Amino acid sequence: MAKTKKKKLPLAYQPVGFVLSWAGGALAGMAFRKAWMAIRHEEDAPDALDPDRSWGEILLAAAVQGAIFAVVRSAVDRTGAKAIARSTGVWPVTDKKGRD
Protein backbone atom coordinates (compact mmCIF):
# COMPACT_ATOMS: atom_id res chain seq x y z
CA MET A 1 0.00 0.00 0.00
CA ALA A 2 1.47 3.36 -1.00
CA LYS A 3 1.81 6.02 1.65
CA THR A 4 0.24 9.34 0.82
CA LYS A 5 1.44 12.63 2.23
CA LYS A 6 -1.17 14.02 4.60
CA LYS A 7 -1.66 17.67 5.41
CA LYS A 8 -0.93 18.76 8.95
CA LEU A 9 -3.99 19.59 10.98
CA PRO A 10 -2.83 20.03 14.60
CA LEU A 11 -4.15 23.57 15.12
CA ALA A 12 -7.61 22.73 13.83
CA TYR A 13 -7.82 19.61 15.95
CA GLN A 14 -6.49 21.06 19.21
CA PRO A 15 -9.65 22.92 20.28
CA VAL A 16 -11.81 19.98 19.23
CA GLY A 17 -9.53 17.59 21.12
CA PHE A 18 -9.68 19.78 24.23
CA VAL A 19 -13.48 19.92 24.26
CA LEU A 20 -13.74 16.19 23.57
CA SER A 21 -11.26 15.40 26.36
CA TRP A 22 -13.20 17.51 28.84
CA ALA A 23 -16.51 15.94 27.83
CA GLY A 24 -14.96 12.46 27.88
CA GLY A 25 -13.61 13.02 31.39
CA ALA A 26 -17.03 14.11 32.60
CA LEU A 27 -18.67 11.12 30.91
CA ALA A 28 -16.09 8.72 32.35
CA GLY A 29 -16.61 10.16 35.84
CA MET A 30 -20.35 9.61 35.61
CA ALA A 31 -19.86 6.10 34.24
CA PHE A 32 -17.45 5.24 37.07
CA ARG A 33 -19.86 6.49 39.74
CA LYS A 34 -22.66 4.37 38.26
CA ALA A 35 -20.38 1.34 37.93
CA TRP A 36 -19.15 1.70 41.52
CA MET A 37 -22.75 1.96 42.73
CA ALA A 38 -23.58 -1.24 40.83
CA ILE A 39 -20.50 -3.09 42.09
CA ARG A 40 -20.41 -2.04 45.74
CA HIS A 41 -23.78 -0.32 46.33
CA GLU A 42 -21.92 2.73 47.65
CA GLU A 43 -22.09 6.29 46.36
CA ASP A 44 -18.44 7.11 47.05
CA ALA A 45 -15.50 5.05 45.87
CA PRO A 46 -12.67 4.63 48.34
CA ASP A 47 -9.80 7.08 48.29
CA ALA A 48 -6.27 5.68 48.42
CA LEU A 49 -5.64 7.54 51.68
CA ASP A 50 -8.82 6.39 53.43
CA PRO A 51 -7.61 4.48 56.51
CA ASP A 52 -10.96 2.69 56.89
CA ARG A 53 -10.76 0.97 53.48
CA SER A 54 -8.88 -2.21 52.66
CA TRP A 55 -6.23 -2.63 49.98
CA GLY A 56 -8.67 -4.75 48.00
CA GLU A 57 -11.34 -2.04 47.94
CA ILE A 58 -8.87 0.66 46.97
CA LEU A 59 -7.24 -1.39 44.22
CA LEU A 60 -10.60 -2.56 42.86
CA ALA A 61 -11.80 1.04 42.65
CA ALA A 62 -8.59 2.14 40.93
CA ALA A 63 -8.75 -0.72 38.41
CA VAL A 64 -12.40 -0.08 37.54
CA GLN A 65 -11.83 3.66 37.27
CA GLY A 66 -8.75 3.21 35.10
CA ALA A 67 -10.50 0.79 32.76
CA ILE A 68 -13.52 3.05 32.35
CA PHE A 69 -11.40 6.14 31.72
CA ALA A 70 -9.24 4.30 29.15
CA VAL A 71 -12.26 2.99 27.24
CA VAL A 72 -14.05 6.35 27.27
CA ARG A 73 -10.90 8.23 26.25
CA SER A 74 -10.27 5.87 23.34
CA ALA A 75 -13.87 6.09 22.18
CA VAL A 76 -13.92 9.89 22.42
CA ASP A 77 -10.52 10.31 20.71
CA ARG A 78 -11.47 7.97 17.89
CA THR A 79 -14.88 9.61 17.38
CA GLY A 80 -13.30 13.06 17.28
CA ALA A 81 -10.62 11.98 14.82
CA LYS A 82 -13.19 10.36 12.55
CA ALA A 83 -15.37 13.50 12.65
CA ILE A 84 -12.40 15.69 11.71
CA ALA A 85 -11.42 13.29 8.93
CA ARG A 86 -14.97 13.26 7.56
CA SER A 87 -15.25 17.04 7.60
CA THR A 88 -11.76 17.88 6.30
CA GLY A 89 -10.64 14.76 4.48
CA VAL A 90 -7.49 14.67 6.64
CA TRP A 91 -6.76 12.45 9.63
CA PRO A 92 -5.86 14.79 12.53
CA VAL A 93 -2.49 13.19 13.37
CA THR A 94 0.08 11.77 11.00
CA ASP A 95 1.76 9.03 13.02
CA LYS A 96 0.75 6.44 15.57
CA LYS A 97 2.17 8.37 18.51
CA GLY A 98 0.06 11.45 17.87
CA ARG A 99 2.96 13.64 16.75
CA ASP A 100 3.20 15.61 13.56
PDB file of N, CA and C in Angstrom:
ATOM      1  N   MET A   1       0.843  -1.167   0.000  1.00  0.00           N
ATOM      2  CA  MET A   1       0.000   0.000   0.000  1.00  0.00           C
ATOM      3  C   MET A   1       0.891   1.234   0.000  1.00  0.00           C
ATOM      4  N   ALA A   2       0.651   2.154  -0.893  1.00  0.00           N
ATOM      5  CA  ALA A   2       1.470   3.356  -0.996  1.00  0.00           C
ATOM      6  C   ALA A   2       1.070   4.358   0.082  1.00  0.00           C
ATOM      7  N   LYS A   3       2.078   4.985   0.656  1.00  0.00           N
ATOM      8  CA  LYS A   3       1.806   6.019   1.649  1.00  0.00           C
ATOM      9  C   LYS A   3       1.528   7.324   0.923  1.00  0.00           C
ATOM     10  N   THR A   4       0.537   8.044   1.399  1.00  0.00           N
ATOM     11  CA  THR A   4       0.245   9.345   0.818  1.00  0.00           C
ATOM     12  C   THR A   4       0.596  10.407   1.835  1.00  0.00           C
ATOM     13  N   LYS A   5       1.068  11.523   1.361  1.00  0.00           N
ATOM     14  CA  LYS A   5       1.435  12.634   2.229  1.00  0.00           C
ATOM     15  C   LYS A   5       0.148  13.290   2.721  1.00  0.00           C
ATOM     16  N   LYS A   6       0.013  13.407   4.035  1.00  0.00           N
ATOM     17  CA  LYS A   6      -1.172  14.022   4.602  1.00  0.00           C
ATOM     18  C   LYS A   6      -0.853  15.435   5.051  1.00  0.00           C
ATOM     19  N   LYS A   7      -1.836  16.303   4.934  1.00  0.00           N
ATOM     20  CA  LYS A   7      -1.662  17.670   5.407  1.00  0.00           C
ATOM     21  C   LYS A   7      -1.660  17.681   6.928  1.00  0.00           C
ATOM     22  N   LYS A   8      -0.943  18.624   7.493  1.00  0.00           N
ATOM     23  CA  LYS A   8      -0.926  18.762   8.947  1.00  0.00           C
ATOM     24  C   LYS A   8      -2.192  19.478   9.390  1.00  0.00           C
ATOM     25  N   LEU A   9      -2.745  19.028  10.495  1.00  0.00           N
ATOM     26  CA  LEU A   9      -3.987  19.594  10.984  1.00  0.00           C
ATOM     27  C   LEU A   9      -3.972  19.798  12.502  1.00  0.00           C
ATOM     28  N   PRO A  10      -2.825  19.982  13.139  1.00  0.00           N
ATOM     29  CA  PRO A  10      -2.834  20.031  14.598  1.00  0.00           C
ATOM     30  C   PRO A  10      -3.583  21.225  15.164  1.00  0.00           C
ATOM     31  N   LEU A  11      -3.485  22.391  14.561  1.00  0.00           N
ATOM     32  CA  LEU A  11      -4.151  23.568  15.117  1.00  0.00           C
ATOM     33  C   LEU A  11      -5.662  23.459  15.029  1.00  0.00           C
ATOM     34  N   ALA A  12      -6.162  22.881  13.973  1.00  0.00           N
ATOM     35  CA  ALA A  12      -7.611  22.728  13.834  1.00  0.00           C
ATOM     36  C   ALA A  12      -8.150  21.686  14.800  1.00  0.00           C
ATOM     37  N   TYR A  13      -7.338  20.683  15.090  1.00  0.00           N
ATOM     38  CA  TYR A  13      -7.821  19.605  15.953  1.00  0.00           C
ATOM     39  C   TYR A  13      -7.671  19.924  17.434  1.00  0.00           C
ATOM     40  N   GLN A  14      -6.740  20.786  17.798  1.00  0.00           N
ATOM     41  CA  GLN A  14      -6.487  21.056  19.214  1.00  0.00           C
ATOM     42  C   GLN A  14      -7.718  21.522  19.983  1.00  0.00           C
ATOM     43  N   PRO A  15      -8.475  22.517  19.509  1.00  0.00           N
ATOM     44  CA  PRO A  15      -9.654  22.919  20.279  1.00  0.00           C
ATOM     45  C   PRO A  15     -10.707  21.816  20.341  1.00  0.00           C
ATOM     46  N   VAL A  16     -10.858  21.089  19.249  1.00  0.00           N
ATOM     47  CA  VAL A  16     -11.811  19.982  19.234  1.00  0.00           C
ATOM     48  C   VAL A  16     -11.360  18.911  20.222  1.00  0.00           C
ATOM     49  N   GLY A  17     -10.081  18.585  20.201  1.00  0.00           N
ATOM     50  CA  GLY A  17      -9.532  17.593  21.122  1.00  0.00           C
ATOM     51  C   GLY A  17      -9.701  18.004  22.574  1.00  0.00           C
ATOM     52  N   PHE A  18      -9.511  19.284  22.868  1.00  0.00           N
ATOM     53  CA  PHE A  18      -9.675  19.778  24.232  1.00  0.00           C
ATOM     54  C   PHE A  18     -11.117  19.611  24.705  1.00  0.00           C
ATOM     55  N   VAL A  19     -12.058  20.031  23.892  1.00  0.00           N
ATOM     56  CA  VAL A  19     -13.484  19.919  24.259  1.00  0.00           C
ATOM     57  C   VAL A  19     -13.875  18.453  24.406  1.00  0.00           C
ATOM     58  N   LEU A  20     -13.417  17.617  23.490  1.00  0.00           N
ATOM     59  CA  LEU A  20     -13.739  16.195  23.571  1.00  0.00           C
ATOM     60  C   LEU A  20     -13.122  15.550  24.814  1.00  0.00           C
ATOM     61  N   SER A  21     -11.904  15.946  25.157  1.00  0.00           N
ATOM     62  CA  SER A  21     -11.255  15.402  26.360  1.00  0.00           C
ATOM     63  C   SER A  21     -12.022  15.794  27.616  1.00  0.00           C
ATOM     64  N   TRP A  22     -12.435  17.039  27.682  1.00  0.00           N
ATOM     65  CA  TRP A  22     -13.198  17.515  28.836  1.00  0.00           C
ATOM     66  C   TRP A  22     -14.524  16.759  28.942  1.00  0.00           C
ATOM     67  N   ALA A  23     -15.227  16.651  27.827  1.00  0.00           N
ATOM     68  CA  ALA A  23     -16.509  15.942  27.826  1.00  0.00           C
ATOM     69  C   ALA A  23     -16.309  14.464  28.144  1.00  0.00           C
ATOM     70  N   GLY A  24     -15.253  13.870  27.601  1.00  0.00           N
ATOM     71  CA  GLY A  24     -14.960  12.463  27.880  1.00  0.00           C
ATOM     72  C   GLY A  24     -14.651  12.225  29.340  1.00  0.00           C
ATOM     73  N   GLY A  25     -13.904  13.140  29.960  1.00  0.00           N
ATOM     74  CA  GLY A  25     -13.608  13.019  31.387  1.00  0.00           C
ATOM     75  C   GLY A  25     -14.864  13.079  32.228  1.00  0.00           C
ATOM     76  N   ALA A  26     -15.763  13.998  31.883  1.00  0.00           N
ATOM     77  CA  ALA A  26     -17.030  14.109  32.604  1.00  0.00           C
ATOM     78  C   ALA A  26     -17.869  12.847  32.422  1.00  0.00           C
ATOM     79  N   LEU A  27     -17.918  12.347  31.204  1.00  0.00           N
ATOM     80  CA  LEU A  27     -18.668  11.123  30.909  1.00  0.00           C
ATOM     81  C   LEU A  27     -18.074   9.930  31.654  1.00  0.00           C
ATOM     82  N   ALA A  28     -16.751   9.821  31.656  1.00  0.00           N
ATOM     83  CA  ALA A  28     -16.091   8.716  32.351  1.00  0.00           C
ATOM     84  C   ALA A  28     -16.336   8.792  33.859  1.00  0.00           C
ATOM     85  N   GLY A  29     -16.325   9.991  34.410  1.00  0.00           N
ATOM     86  CA  GLY A  29     -16.608  10.156  35.839  1.00  0.00           C
ATOM     87  C   GLY A  29     -18.011   9.686  36.193  1.00  0.00           C
ATOM     88  N   MET A  30     -18.980  10.057  35.363  1.00  0.00           N
ATOM     89  CA  MET A  30     -20.355   9.614  35.607  1.00  0.00           C
ATOM     90  C   MET A  30     -20.466   8.101  35.471  1.00  0.00           C
ATOM     91  N   ALA A  31     -19.818   7.551  34.451  1.00  0.00           N
ATOM     92  CA  ALA A  31     -19.863   6.099  34.242  1.00  0.00           C
ATOM     93  C   ALA A  31     -19.222   5.364  35.415  1.00  0.00           C
ATOM     94  N   PHE A  32     -18.113   5.885  35.931  1.00  0.00           N
ATOM     95  CA  PHE A  32     -17.453   5.240  37.066  1.00  0.00           C
ATOM     96  C   PHE A  32     -18.344   5.280  38.305  1.00  0.00           C
ATOM     97  N   ARG A  33     -18.974   6.413  38.568  1.00  0.00           N
ATOM     98  CA  ARG A  33     -19.861   6.493  39.738  1.00  0.00           C
ATOM     99  C   ARG A  33     -21.002   5.482  39.635  1.00  0.00           C
ATOM    100  N   LYS A  34     -21.580   5.350  38.452  1.00  0.00           N
ATOM    101  CA  LYS A  34     -22.659   4.369  38.260  1.00  0.00           C
ATOM    102  C   LYS A  34     -22.134   2.937  38.395  1.00  0.00           C
ATOM    103  N   ALA A  35     -20.955   2.689  37.834  1.00  0.00           N
ATOM    104  CA  ALA A  35     -20.379   1.345  37.934  1.00  0.00           C
ATOM    105  C   ALA A  35     -20.054   1.003  39.382  1.00  0.00           C
ATOM    106  N   TRP A  36     -19.502   1.955  40.120  1.00  0.00           N
ATOM    107  CA  TRP A  36     -19.154   1.697  41.518  1.00  0.00           C
ATOM    108  C   TRP A  36     -20.419   1.433  42.335  1.00  0.00           C
ATOM    109  N   MET A  37     -21.474   2.176  42.036  1.00  0.00           N
ATOM    110  CA  MET A  37     -22.749   1.963  42.734  1.00  0.00           C
ATOM    111  C   MET A  37     -23.273   0.557  42.429  1.00  0.00           C
ATOM    112  N   ALA A  38     -23.116   0.092  41.201  1.00  0.00           N
ATOM    113  CA  ALA A  38     -23.584  -1.245  40.833  1.00  0.00           C
ATOM    114  C   ALA A  38     -22.717  -2.337  41.459  1.00  0.00           C
ATOM    115  N   ILE A  39     -21.418  -2.082  41.550  1.00  0.00           N
ATOM    116  CA  ILE A  39     -20.500  -3.087  42.086  1.00  0.00           C
ATOM    117  C   ILE A  39     -20.589  -3.186  43.600  1.00  0.00           C
ATOM    118  N   ARG A  40     -20.521  -2.050  44.275  1.00  0.00           N
ATOM    119  CA  ARG A  40     -20.411  -2.039  45.739  1.00  0.00           C
ATOM    120  C   ARG A  40     -21.625  -1.460  46.459  1.00  0.00           C
ATOM    121  N   HIS A  41     -22.591  -0.940  45.729  1.00  0.00           N
ATOM    122  CA  HIS A  41     -23.784  -0.323  46.327  1.00  0.00           C
ATOM    123  C   HIS A  41     -23.405   0.811  47.282  1.00  0.00           C
ATOM    124  N   GLU A  42     -22.384   1.569  46.895  1.00  0.00           N
ATOM    125  CA  GLU A  42     -21.920   2.732  47.645  1.00  0.00           C
ATOM    126  C   GLU A  42     -21.858   3.921  46.695  1.00  0.00           C
ATOM    127  N   GLU A  43     -22.167   5.103  47.211  1.00  0.00           N
ATOM    128  CA  GLU A  43     -22.092   6.288  46.361  1.00  0.00           C
ATOM    129  C   GLU A  43     -20.661   6.744  46.137  1.00  0.00           C
ATOM    130  N   ASP A  44     -19.814   6.627  47.146  1.00  0.00           N
ATOM    131  CA  ASP A  44     -18.443   7.108  47.048  1.00  0.00           C
ATOM    132  C   ASP A  44     -17.457   5.953  46.967  1.00  0.00           C
ATOM    133  N   ALA A  45     -16.575   6.044  45.990  1.00  0.00           N
ATOM    134  CA  ALA A  45     -15.502   5.055  45.866  1.00  0.00           C
ATOM    135  C   ALA A  45     -14.431   5.369  46.905  1.00  0.00           C
ATOM    136  N   PRO A  46     -13.699   4.373  47.338  1.00  0.00           N
ATOM    137  CA  PRO A  46     -12.666   4.627  48.341  1.00  0.00           C
ATOM    138  C   PRO A  46     -11.520   5.455  47.776  1.00  0.00           C
ATOM    139  N   ASP A  47     -10.985   6.287  48.622  1.00  0.00           N
ATOM    140  CA  ASP A  47      -9.803   7.076  48.293  1.00  0.00           C
ATOM    141  C   ASP A  47      -8.584   6.291  48.759  1.00  0.00           C
ATOM    142  N   ALA A  48      -7.488   6.422  48.063  1.00  0.00           N
ATOM    143  CA  ALA A  48      -6.275   5.678  48.419  1.00  0.00           C
ATOM    144  C   ALA A  48      -5.784   5.984  49.832  1.00  0.00           C
ATOM    145  N   LEU A  49      -6.108   7.153  50.347  1.00  0.00           N
ATOM    146  CA  LEU A  49      -5.637   7.540  51.678  1.00  0.00           C
ATOM    147  C   LEU A  49      -6.677   7.321  52.776  1.00  0.00           C
ATOM    148  N   ASP A  50      -7.775   6.668  52.438  1.00  0.00           N
ATOM    149  CA  ASP A  50      -8.818   6.393  53.427  1.00  0.00           C
ATOM    150  C   ASP A  50      -8.367   5.248  54.341  1.00  0.00           C
ATOM    151  N   PRO A  51      -8.127   5.526  55.627  1.00  0.00           N
ATOM    152  CA  PRO A  51      -7.610   4.479  56.511  1.00  0.00           C
ATOM    153  C   PRO A  51      -8.637   3.390  56.836  1.00  0.00           C
ATOM    154  N   ASP A  52      -9.913   3.652  56.574  1.00  0.00           N
ATOM    155  CA  ASP A  52     -10.960   2.690  56.892  1.00  0.00           C
ATOM    156  C   ASP A  52     -11.241   1.710  55.748  1.00  0.00           C
ATOM    157  N   ARG A  53     -10.530   1.845  54.632  1.00  0.00           N
ATOM    158  CA  ARG A  53     -10.756   0.973  53.477  1.00  0.00           C
ATOM    159  C   ARG A  53      -9.605  -0.003  53.337  1.00  0.00           C
ATOM    160  N   SER A  54      -9.908  -1.177  52.832  1.00  0.00           N
ATOM    161  CA  SER A  54      -8.879  -2.210  52.659  1.00  0.00           C
ATOM    162  C   SER A  54      -8.135  -1.992  51.339  1.00  0.00           C
ATOM    163  N   TRP A  55      -6.986  -2.666  51.230  1.00  0.00           N
ATOM    164  CA  TRP A  55      -6.230  -2.632  49.982  1.00  0.00           C
ATOM    165  C   TRP A  55      -7.092  -3.121  48.827  1.00  0.00           C
ATOM    166  N   GLY A  56      -7.829  -4.177  49.055  1.00  0.00           N
ATOM    167  CA  GLY A  56      -8.666  -4.746  47.995  1.00  0.00           C
ATOM    168  C   GLY A  56      -9.675  -3.753  47.465  1.00  0.00           C
ATOM    169  N   GLU A  57     -10.347  -3.034  48.368  1.00  0.00           N
ATOM    170  CA  GLU A  57     -11.338  -2.041  47.936  1.00  0.00           C
ATOM    171  C   GLU A  57     -10.683  -0.921  47.140  1.00  0.00           C
ATOM    172  N   ILE A  58      -9.553  -0.451  47.629  1.00  0.00           N
ATOM    173  CA  ILE A  58      -8.867   0.663  46.969  1.00  0.00           C
ATOM    174  C   ILE A  58      -8.361   0.246  45.589  1.00  0.00           C
ATOM    175  N   LEU A  59      -7.763  -0.942  45.502  1.00  0.00           N
ATOM    176  CA  LEU A  59      -7.238  -1.391  44.215  1.00  0.00           C
ATOM    177  C   LEU A  59      -8.351  -1.735  43.228  1.00  0.00           C
ATOM    178  N   LEU A  60      -9.444  -2.289  43.725  1.00  0.00           N
ATOM    179  CA  LEU A  60     -10.597  -2.557  42.857  1.00  0.00           C
ATOM    180  C   LEU A  60     -11.138  -1.255  42.278  1.00  0.00           C
ATOM    181  N   ALA A  61     -11.297  -0.251  43.119  1.00  0.00           N
ATOM    182  CA  ALA A  61     -11.805   1.041  42.646  1.00  0.00           C
ATOM    183  C   ALA A  61     -10.859   1.648  41.611  1.00  0.00           C
ATOM    184  N   ALA A  62      -9.570   1.572  41.875  1.00  0.00           N
ATOM    185  CA  ALA A  62      -8.586   2.138  40.932  1.00  0.00           C
ATOM    186  C   ALA A  62      -8.614   1.390  39.596  1.00  0.00           C
ATOM    187  N   ALA A  63      -8.723   0.076  39.644  1.00  0.00           N
ATOM    188  CA  ALA A  63      -8.751  -0.717  38.410  1.00  0.00           C
ATOM    189  C   ALA A  63     -10.001  -0.427  37.586  1.00  0.00           C
ATOM    190  N   VAL A  64     -11.142  -0.364  38.246  1.00  0.00           N
ATOM    191  CA  VAL A  64     -12.399  -0.081  37.545  1.00  0.00           C
ATOM    192  C   VAL A  64     -12.356   1.320  36.952  1.00  0.00           C
ATOM    193  N   GLN A  65     -11.905   2.282  37.747  1.00  0.00           N
ATOM    194  CA  GLN A  65     -11.834   3.658  37.268  1.00  0.00           C
ATOM    195  C   GLN A  65     -10.875   3.779  36.087  1.00  0.00           C
ATOM    196  N   GLY A  66      -9.723   3.157  36.183  1.00  0.00           N
ATOM    197  CA  GLY A  66      -8.751   3.209  35.096  1.00  0.00           C
ATOM    198  C   GLY A  66      -9.278   2.586  33.817  1.00  0.00           C
ATOM    199  N   ALA A  67      -9.943   1.455  33.942  1.00  0.00           N
ATOM    200  CA  ALA A  67     -10.498   0.789  32.759  1.00  0.00           C
ATOM    201  C   ALA A  67     -11.569   1.652  32.095  1.00  0.00           C
ATOM    202  N   ILE A  68     -12.443   2.215  32.907  1.00  0.00           N
ATOM    203  CA  ILE A  68     -13.518   3.054  32.351  1.00  0.00           C
ATOM    204  C   ILE A  68     -12.932   4.277  31.675  1.00  0.00           C
ATOM    205  N   PHE A  69     -11.991   4.944  32.323  1.00  0.00           N
ATOM    206  CA  PHE A  69     -11.396   6.136  31.721  1.00  0.00           C
ATOM    207  C   PHE A  69     -10.664   5.799  30.423  1.00  0.00           C
ATOM    208  N   ALA A  70      -9.965   4.680  30.375  1.00  0.00           N
ATOM    209  CA  ALA A  70      -9.242   4.298  29.154  1.00  0.00           C
ATOM    210  C   ALA A  70     -10.209   4.016  28.005  1.00  0.00           C
ATOM    211  N   VAL A  71     -11.278   3.311  28.287  1.00  0.00           N
ATOM    212  CA  VAL A  71     -12.257   2.993  27.244  1.00  0.00           C
ATOM    213  C   VAL A  71     -12.945   4.262  26.748  1.00  0.00           C
ATOM    214  N   VAL A  72     -13.369   5.115  27.676  1.00  0.00           N
ATOM    215  CA  VAL A  72     -14.050   6.350  27.271  1.00  0.00           C
ATOM    216  C   VAL A  72     -13.095   7.255  26.493  1.00  0.00           C
ATOM    217  N   ARG A  73     -11.856   7.376  26.958  1.00  0.00           N
ATOM    218  CA  ARG A  73     -10.897   8.230  26.252  1.00  0.00           C
ATOM    219  C   ARG A  73     -10.660   7.724  24.833  1.00  0.00           C
ATOM    220  N   SER A  74     -10.480   6.430  24.676  1.00  0.00           N
ATOM    221  CA  SER A  74     -10.265   5.868  23.343  1.00  0.00           C
ATOM    222  C   SER A  74     -11.471   6.104  22.444  1.00  0.00           C
ATOM    223  N   ALA A  75     -12.654   5.890  22.975  1.00  0.00           N
ATOM    224  CA  ALA A  75     -13.869   6.091  22.185  1.00  0.00           C
ATOM    225  C   ALA A  75     -14.028   7.553  21.780  1.00  0.00           C
ATOM    226  N   VAL A  76     -13.778   8.463  22.705  1.00  0.00           N
ATOM    227  CA  VAL A  76     -13.916   9.893  22.416  1.00  0.00           C
ATOM    228  C   VAL A  76     -12.845  10.347  21.423  1.00  0.00           C
ATOM    229  N   ASP A  77     -11.597   9.932  21.633  1.00  0.00           N
ATOM    230  CA  ASP A  77     -10.521  10.313  20.713  1.00  0.00           C
ATOM    231  C   ASP A  77     -10.792   9.801  19.303  1.00  0.00           C
ATOM    232  N   ARG A  78     -11.212   8.557  19.202  1.00  0.00           N
ATOM    233  CA  ARG A  78     -11.474   7.967  17.893  1.00  0.00           C
ATOM    234  C   ARG A  78     -12.646   8.657  17.202  1.00  0.00           C
ATOM    235  N   THR A  79     -13.713   8.929  17.946  1.00  0.00           N
ATOM    236  CA  THR A  79     -14.880   9.608  17.384  1.00  0.00           C
ATOM    237  C   THR A  79     -14.509  11.000  16.891  1.00  0.00           C
ATOM    238  N   GLY A  80     -13.725  11.719  17.683  1.00  0.00           N
ATOM    239  CA  GLY A  80     -13.299  13.062  17.279  1.00  0.00           C
ATOM    240  C   GLY A  80     -12.428  13.029  16.034  1.00  0.00           C
ATOM    241  N   ALA A  81     -11.497  12.094  15.989  1.00  0.00           N
ATOM    242  CA  ALA A  81     -10.615  11.984  14.825  1.00  0.00           C
ATOM    243  C   ALA A  81     -11.414  11.644  13.569  1.00  0.00           C
ATOM    244  N   LYS A  82     -12.375  10.738  13.708  1.00  0.00           N
ATOM    245  CA  LYS A  82     -13.192  10.365  12.546  1.00  0.00           C
ATOM    246  C   LYS A  82     -14.044  11.540  12.082  1.00  0.00           C
ATOM    247  N   ALA A  83     -14.560  12.329  13.018  1.00  0.00           N
ATOM    248  CA  ALA A  83     -15.368  13.498  12.654  1.00  0.00           C
ATOM    249  C   ALA A  83     -14.522  14.531  11.910  1.00  0.00           C
ATOM    250  N   ILE A  84     -13.303  14.760  12.389  1.00  0.00           N
ATOM    251  CA  ILE A  84     -12.396  15.694  11.706  1.00  0.00           C
ATOM    252  C   ILE A  84     -12.057  15.164  10.310  1.00  0.00           C
ATOM    253  N   ALA A  85     -11.766  13.887  10.224  1.00  0.00           N
ATOM    254  CA  ALA A  85     -11.420  13.290   8.931  1.00  0.00           C
ATOM    255  C   ALA A  85     -12.585  13.390   7.948  1.00  0.00           C
ATOM    256  N   ARG A  86     -13.802  13.158   8.436  1.00  0.00           N
ATOM    257  CA  ARG A  86     -14.971  13.263   7.558  1.00  0.00           C
ATOM    258  C   ARG A  86     -15.175  14.693   7.075  1.00  0.00           C
ATOM    259  N   SER A  87     -14.971  15.657   7.974  1.00  0.00           N
ATOM    260  CA  SER A  87     -15.252  17.039   7.602  1.00  0.00           C
ATOM    261  C   SER A  87     -14.133  17.699   6.811  1.00  0.00           C
ATOM    262  N   THR A  88     -12.881  17.247   6.995  1.00  0.00           N
ATOM    263  CA  THR A  88     -11.760  17.883   6.303  1.00  0.00           C
ATOM    264  C   THR A  88     -11.094  16.995   5.275  1.00  0.00           C
ATOM    265  N   GLY A  89     -11.307  15.692   5.374  1.00  0.00           N
ATOM    266  CA  GLY A  89     -10.638  14.762   4.483  1.00  0.00           C
ATOM    267  C   GLY A  89      -9.224  14.425   4.930  1.00  0.00           C
ATOM    268  N   VAL A  90      -8.839  14.884   6.118  1.00  0.00           N
ATOM    269  CA  VAL A  90      -7.492  14.668   6.635  1.00  0.00           C
ATOM    270  C   VAL A  90      -7.585  14.090   8.038  1.00  0.00           C
ATOM    271  N   TRP A  91      -6.830  13.021   8.288  1.00  0.00           N
ATOM    272  CA  TRP A  91      -6.760  12.452   9.633  1.00  0.00           C
ATOM    273  C   TRP A  91      -5.992  13.441  10.509  1.00  0.00           C
ATOM    274  N   PRO A  92      -6.442  13.708  11.739  1.00  0.00           N
ATOM    275  CA  PRO A  92      -5.856  14.790  12.531  1.00  0.00           C
ATOM    276  C   PRO A  92      -4.412  14.595  12.987  1.00  0.00           C
ATOM    277  N   VAL A  93      -3.896  13.402  13.025  1.00  0.00           N
ATOM    278  CA  VAL A  93      -2.487  13.186  13.373  1.00  0.00           C
ATOM    279  C   VAL A  93      -1.864  12.312  12.299  1.00  0.00           C
ATOM    280  N   THR A  94      -0.551  12.460  12.117  1.00  0.00           N
ATOM    281  CA  THR A  94       0.079  11.772  11.002  1.00  0.00           C
ATOM    282  C   THR A  94       0.838  10.519  11.374  1.00  0.00           C
ATOM    283  N   ASP A  95       1.109  10.291  12.657  1.00  0.00           N
ATOM    284  CA  ASP A  95       1.765   9.032  13.019  1.00  0.00           C
ATOM    285  C   ASP A  95       1.069   8.412  14.211  1.00  0.00           C
ATOM    286  N   LYS A  96       1.450   7.202  14.557  1.00  0.00           N
ATOM    287  CA  LYS A  96       0.747   6.438  15.574  1.00  0.00           C
ATOM    288  C   LYS A  96       0.946   6.973  16.979  1.00  0.00           C
ATOM    289  N   LYS A  97       1.926   7.833  17.190  1.00  0.00           N
ATOM    290  CA  LYS A  97       2.172   8.367  18.512  1.00  0.00           C
ATOM    291  C   LYS A  97       1.530   9.730  18.708  1.00  0.00           C
ATOM    292  N   GLY A  98       0.780  10.200  17.731  1.00  0.00           N
ATOM    293  CA  GLY A  98       0.061  11.450  17.873  1.00  0.00           C
ATOM    294  C   GLY A  98       0.905  12.684  17.614  1.00  0.00           C
ATOM    295  N   ARG A  99       2.104  12.500  17.047  1.00  0.00           N
ATOM    296  CA  ARG A  99       2.957  13.639  16.749  1.00  0.00           C
ATOM    297  C   ARG A  99       2.848  13.977  15.269  1.00  0.00           C
ATOM    298  N   ASP A 100       3.176  15.191  14.964  1.00  0.00           N
ATOM    299  CA  ASP A 100       3.197  15.610  13.556  1.00  0.00           C
ATOM    300  C   ASP A 100       4.505  15.291  12.916  1.00  0.00           C
TER     301      ASP A 100
END
